[in-house]
Amino acid sequence: MQWAVTAAFYCAVHCMSAHLARRGFQVRNHYERDTELADPANGVPQNVYEAYRALKRRSEGARYWMRRYPPHRVRTEILDNLLSTIATFVGLT
């Protein structure tokens, strides 16, 4: 389940990087991406940015702090809520 959380975050990374690329920004790392996503001029609604940050925190928890995520939480919170918010914003759903 920890890898599923990490995979969901990296899906979000690519979704948001694509959004920024469509707006003319090529980011090279997490810091640059986060900075551009936080800038209201780049058209990312607050709820989408918060979903991205939540996925990042949960992925870091899984990778660095060995946090465990039960399957029902991965399905409902991570995939159906947070990642779905991002996928809808970029037009994947």
Foldseek 3Di string as FASTA:
>chain_A
DLVLLLVLLVVLVVLQQVLVVVVPDHDDDPVRSLVLLPDVVSPHDPLLNVLNVVSVVSNCCVPPVVDDDDPVCCVVPRPVPSSVVSCVVSVND
